[in-house]
N, C-alpha and C. Protein backbone atom coordinates (compact mmCIF):
# COMPACT_ATOMS: atom_id res chain seq x y z
N UNK A 1 27.78 32.18 47.74
CA UNK A 1 26.68 33.68 47.29
C UNK A 1 27.04 34.75 47.12
N UNK A 2 28.76 35.02 47.94
CA UNK A 2 28.60 36.46 47.43
C UNK A 2 29.03 36.30 46.60
N UNK A 3 29.75 35.60 45.80
CA UNK A 3 30.39 35.67 44.40
C UNK A 3 28.37 35.76 43.25
N UNK A 4 27.77 34.79 43.88
CA UNK A 4 26.46 34.95 43.40
C UNK A 4 25.50 36.78 43.31
N UNK A 5 26.05 37.51 43.99
CA UNK A 5 25.88 38.61 43.88
C UNK A 5 26.38 39.37 43.56
N UNK A 6 27.93 39.20 43.77
CA UNK A 6 28.95 39.99 43.21
C UNK A 6 28.41 39.69 41.60
N UNK A 7 28.61 39.07 41.21
CA UNK A 7 28.15 39.06 39.73
C UNK A 7 26.52 39.58 39.18
N UNK A 8 25.50 39.20 39.92
CA UNK A 8 23.95 39.77 39.70
C UNK A 8 24.50 41.18 39.39
N UNK A 9 25.23 41.98 41.20
CA UNK A 9 25.76 43.54 40.77
C UNK A 9 26.74 43.90 39.53
N UNK A 10 26.93 43.09 38.83
CA UNK A 10 27.86 43.26 38.13
C UNK A 10 27.14 43.43 37.05
N UNK A 11 26.44 42.64 36.51
CA UNK A 11 26.08 42.32 35.28
C UNK A 11 24.59 43.48 35.12
N UNK A 12 24.20 43.39 36.34
CA UNK A 12 22.46 43.63 35.65
C UNK A 12 22.84 45.43 36.52
N UNK A 13 23.42 45.58 36.95
CA UNK A 13 23.72 47.26 37.17
C UNK A 13 23.87 48.17 36.18
N UNK A 14 24.10 47.84 35.24
CA UNK A 14 24.74 48.53 34.41
C UNK A 14 23.55 49.10 32.84
N UNK A 15 22.21 48.00 33.78
CA UNK A 15 20.98 48.48 32.70
C UNK A 15 19.72 48.68 33.71
N UNK A 16 20.04 49.05 34.71
CA UNK A 16 19.14 50.00 35.65
C UNK A 16 18.92 51.34 35.07
N UNK A 17 20.00 51.73 34.22
CA UNK A 17 18.85 53.01 33.81
C UNK A 17 18.25 53.21 32.50
N UNK A 18 18.49 52.22 31.72
CA UNK A 18 17.45 51.54 30.72
C UNK A 18 16.02 51.07 31.25
N UNK A 19 16.20 50.62 32.93
CA UNK A 19 14.62 49.79 33.08
C UNK A 19 14.51 50.90 33.68
N UNK A 20 14.91 52.32 34.10
CA UNK A 20 14.14 53.19 34.78
C UNK A 20 13.54 53.78 33.37
N UNK A 21 14.05 54.14 32.20
CA UNK A 21 13.13 54.66 31.28
C UNK A 21 11.82 54.02 30.87
N UNK A 22 11.74 52.05 30.90
CA UNK A 22 11.01 52.09 30.51
C UNK A 22 9.52 51.92 31.62
N UNK A 23 10.36 51.78 32.83
CA UNK A 23 9.12 52.25 33.81
C UNK A 23 8.94 53.96 33.81
N UNK A 24 9.53 54.70 33.21
CA UNK A 24 8.95 56.32 32.72
C UNK A 24 8.17 56.34 31.84
N UNK A 25 8.33 54.97 30.75
CA UNK A 25 7.22 55.34 29.84
C UNK A 25 5.82 54.87 30.47
N UNK A 26 6.29 53.72 31.21
CA UNK A 26 4.91 52.77 31.33
C UNK A 26 4.08 54.16 32.55
N UNK A 27 4.91 54.61 33.41
CA UNK A 27 4.12 55.65 34.15
C UNK A 27 3.29 57.39 33.31
N UNK A 28 3.81 57.39 32.07
CA UNK A 28 4.04 58.15 31.33
C UNK A 28 2.79 57.65 30.89
N UNK A 29 2.25 56.42 30.49
CA UNK A 29 1.02 55.83 29.77
C UNK A 29 -0.22 56.12 30.63
N UNK A 30 0.01 56.03 32.10
CA UNK A 30 -0.55 55.81 32.69
C UNK A 30 -1.74 57.26 33.00
N UNK A 31 -0.43 58.19 33.37
CA UNK A 31 -0.88 58.88 33.35
C UNK A 31 -1.62 60.26 31.88
N UNK A 32 -1.15 59.38 31.02
CA UNK A 32 -1.59 59.92 29.97
C UNK A 32 -3.42 59.99 30.18
N UNK A 33 -3.82 58.53 30.85
CA UNK A 33 -5.21 57.69 31.01
C UNK A 33 -4.75 56.53 29.60
N UNK A 34 -4.41 56.00 29.82
CA UNK A 34 -3.98 55.03 28.79
C UNK A 34 -3.05 53.73 29.46
N UNK A 35 -3.92 53.25 30.50
CA UNK A 35 -3.30 52.17 31.46
C UNK A 35 -3.25 51.12 30.72
N UNK A 36 -4.33 50.55 29.91
CA UNK A 36 -3.87 49.45 29.14
C UNK A 36 -2.24 49.75 28.34
N UNK A 37 -2.42 50.43 27.55
CA UNK A 37 -0.05 50.96 26.89
C UNK A 37 0.44 50.44 28.13
N UNK A 38 0.15 51.10 29.29
CA UNK A 38 1.24 51.01 30.41
C UNK A 38 1.69 49.11 30.75
N UNK A 39 0.45 48.41 30.74
CA UNK A 39 0.19 47.05 31.19
C UNK A 39 0.45 45.89 30.19
N UNK A 40 0.48 46.75 28.64
CA UNK A 40 0.66 45.72 27.69
C UNK A 40 2.28 45.69 27.38
N UNK A 41 2.99 47.19 27.81
CA UNK A 41 4.47 47.56 27.95
C UNK A 41 4.93 46.57 28.82
N UNK A 42 4.58 46.77 30.02
CA UNK A 42 4.86 45.58 31.53
C UNK A 42 4.84 44.12 31.16
N UNK A 43 4.19 43.98 30.81
CA UNK A 43 3.75 42.07 30.38
C UNK A 43 4.73 42.12 29.18
N UNK A 44 4.96 42.84 27.97
CA UNK A 44 6.13 42.35 27.09
C UNK A 44 7.49 42.09 27.56
N UNK A 45 7.30 43.20 28.40
CA UNK A 45 8.66 43.40 29.59
C UNK A 45 8.75 41.56 30.43
N UNK A 46 8.10 41.92 30.52
CA UNK A 46 8.23 40.21 31.73
C UNK A 46 8.02 39.15 31.27
N UNK A 47 7.08 38.72 30.36
CA UNK A 47 7.01 37.77 29.03
C UNK A 47 7.95 37.33 28.20
N UNK A 48 7.55 38.48 27.79
CA UNK A 48 7.98 38.49 25.96
C UNK A 48 9.16 38.74 25.72
N UNK A 49 10.15 39.27 26.74
CA UNK A 49 11.48 39.72 26.85
C UNK A 49 12.22 39.12 27.41
N UNK A 50 11.78 38.99 28.69
CA UNK A 50 12.69 38.41 29.68
C UNK A 50 12.82 37.29 30.41
N UNK A 51 11.67 36.39 30.27
CA UNK A 51 11.32 35.00 30.39
C UNK A 51 12.11 34.05 29.07
N UNK A 52 11.73 34.30 27.94
CA UNK A 52 12.73 33.26 27.02
C UNK A 52 13.88 33.70 27.02
N UNK A 53 14.99 34.88 28.01
CA UNK A 53 16.12 34.71 27.60
C UNK A 53 16.55 34.47 28.80
N UNK A 54 15.86 34.27 29.94
CA UNK A 54 16.29 33.70 31.20
C UNK A 54 16.48 32.11 31.17
N UNK A 55 15.45 31.58 30.45
CA UNK A 55 15.22 30.29 30.00
C UNK A 55 16.32 29.92 29.89
N UNK A 56 16.42 30.38 28.45
CA UNK A 56 17.89 29.62 27.92
C UNK A 56 18.76 29.78 28.44
N UNK A 57 18.85 31.09 28.88
CA UNK A 57 19.91 31.49 29.54
C UNK A 57 20.63 30.47 30.95
N UNK A 58 19.74 30.01 31.45
CA UNK A 58 19.70 29.58 32.44
C UNK A 58 20.41 27.73 31.76
N UNK A 59 19.50 27.38 30.83
CA UNK A 59 19.91 26.23 30.57
C UNK A 59 21.41 26.67 29.76
N UNK A 60 22.52 27.01 29.44
CA UNK A 60 23.90 27.26 29.31
C UNK A 60 24.19 28.26 30.35
N UNK A 61 24.09 28.79 30.96
CA UNK A 61 25.03 29.62 31.55
C UNK A 61 24.91 29.84 33.27
N UNK A 62 23.96 28.92 33.78
CA UNK A 62 23.05 28.95 35.09
C UNK A 62 22.45 30.47 35.28
N UNK A 63 23.73 30.66 36.86
CA UNK A 63 23.34 32.15 37.22
C UNK A 63 23.17 32.82 36.10
N UNK A 64 24.72 33.23 35.92
CA UNK A 64 24.69 34.26 34.60
C UNK A 64 23.78 34.43 33.78
N UNK A 65 23.70 33.13 32.79
CA UNK A 65 22.81 33.83 31.91
C UNK A 65 21.29 33.99 32.38
N UNK A 66 20.53 34.01 33.68
CA UNK A 66 19.95 34.72 34.22
C UNK A 66 20.24 36.40 34.42
N UNK A 67 21.45 36.60 34.71
CA UNK A 67 21.51 37.50 34.70
C UNK A 67 21.67 38.95 33.94
N UNK A 68 21.98 37.87 32.51
CA UNK A 68 22.94 38.44 31.34
C UNK A 68 20.79 38.70 31.01
N UNK A 69 20.27 37.54 30.97
CA UNK A 69 18.83 37.56 29.91
C UNK A 69 18.38 39.28 30.63
N UNK A 70 18.44 39.63 32.15
CA UNK A 70 17.72 40.50 32.86
C UNK A 70 18.70 42.17 32.24
N UNK A 71 19.65 41.59 32.29
CA UNK A 71 20.19 42.85 31.59
C UNK A 71 19.61 43.23 30.40
N UNK A 72 19.66 42.41 29.40
CA UNK A 72 19.46 42.49 27.86
C UNK A 72 18.07 42.73 27.67
N UNK A 73 17.46 42.18 28.74
CA UNK A 73 15.81 42.79 28.51
C UNK A 73 15.58 44.02 29.12
N UNK A 74 16.25 44.49 30.03
CA UNK A 74 15.76 46.08 30.51
C UNK A 74 16.66 46.75 29.19
N UNK A 75 18.22 46.36 29.20
CA UNK A 75 18.32 47.47 27.55
C UNK A 75 17.21 47.53 26.21
N UNK A 76 17.03 45.94 26.31
CA UNK A 76 15.50 46.45 24.63
C UNK A 76 14.59 46.78 25.31
N UNK A 77 14.21 47.17 26.55
CA UNK A 77 12.77 47.93 26.87
C UNK A 77 13.48 49.19 26.71
N UNK A 78 14.11 49.29 27.55
CA UNK A 78 14.58 50.79 27.91
C UNK A 78 14.60 51.81 26.21
N UNK A 79 15.47 50.75 25.44
CA UNK A 79 15.49 51.54 24.00
C UNK A 79 14.19 51.60 23.21
N UNK A 80 13.21 50.02 23.67
CA UNK A 80 11.71 50.18 22.71
C UNK A 80 11.23 51.62 23.65
N UNK A 81 11.44 52.20 24.81
CA UNK A 81 10.85 52.96 25.48
C UNK A 81 11.37 54.31 24.58
N UNK A 82 12.23 54.25 25.05
CA UNK A 82 12.81 55.68 24.19
C UNK A 82 12.61 55.62 23.17
N UNK A 83 12.52 55.08 21.73
CA UNK A 83 11.80 55.16 20.78
C UNK A 83 10.50 55.80 20.59
N UNK A 84 9.91 54.73 21.70
CA UNK A 84 7.96 55.58 21.63
C UNK A 84 7.60 57.07 22.22
N UNK A 85 9.10 57.14 23.35
CA UNK A 85 8.54 58.42 23.70
C UNK A 85 8.90 59.71 22.67
N UNK A 86 10.24 59.48 21.77
CA UNK A 86 10.21 59.59 20.56
C UNK A 86 9.42 59.80 19.63
N UNK A 87 8.58 59.26 19.35
CA UNK A 87 7.39 58.99 18.38
C UNK A 87 6.18 59.97 19.07
N UNK A 88 5.81 59.40 20.18
CA UNK A 88 5.07 60.30 21.05
C UNK A 88 5.10 61.78 21.12
N UNK A 89 6.18 62.39 20.80
CA UNK A 89 6.67 63.90 21.31
C UNK A 89 6.17 64.68 20.23
């Protein structure tokens, strides 16, 4: 169990900043009175980006595949959020 926790913290912790940018963008949409855009953004993260990658990753690499999918989804959504912030500015 300790090894799984270590693997999680090693793989996912590097993407927490990108996840924060995504959540900041989501909160910004809510603050601008566009809650549907924030909902769409969060739904896209969960259903469109994370779940398919986690399913494939768990099939080939078990726990590490799920953790890599989480990290990649966070980075992808953080990059998209950064682009949206730049476009809206």
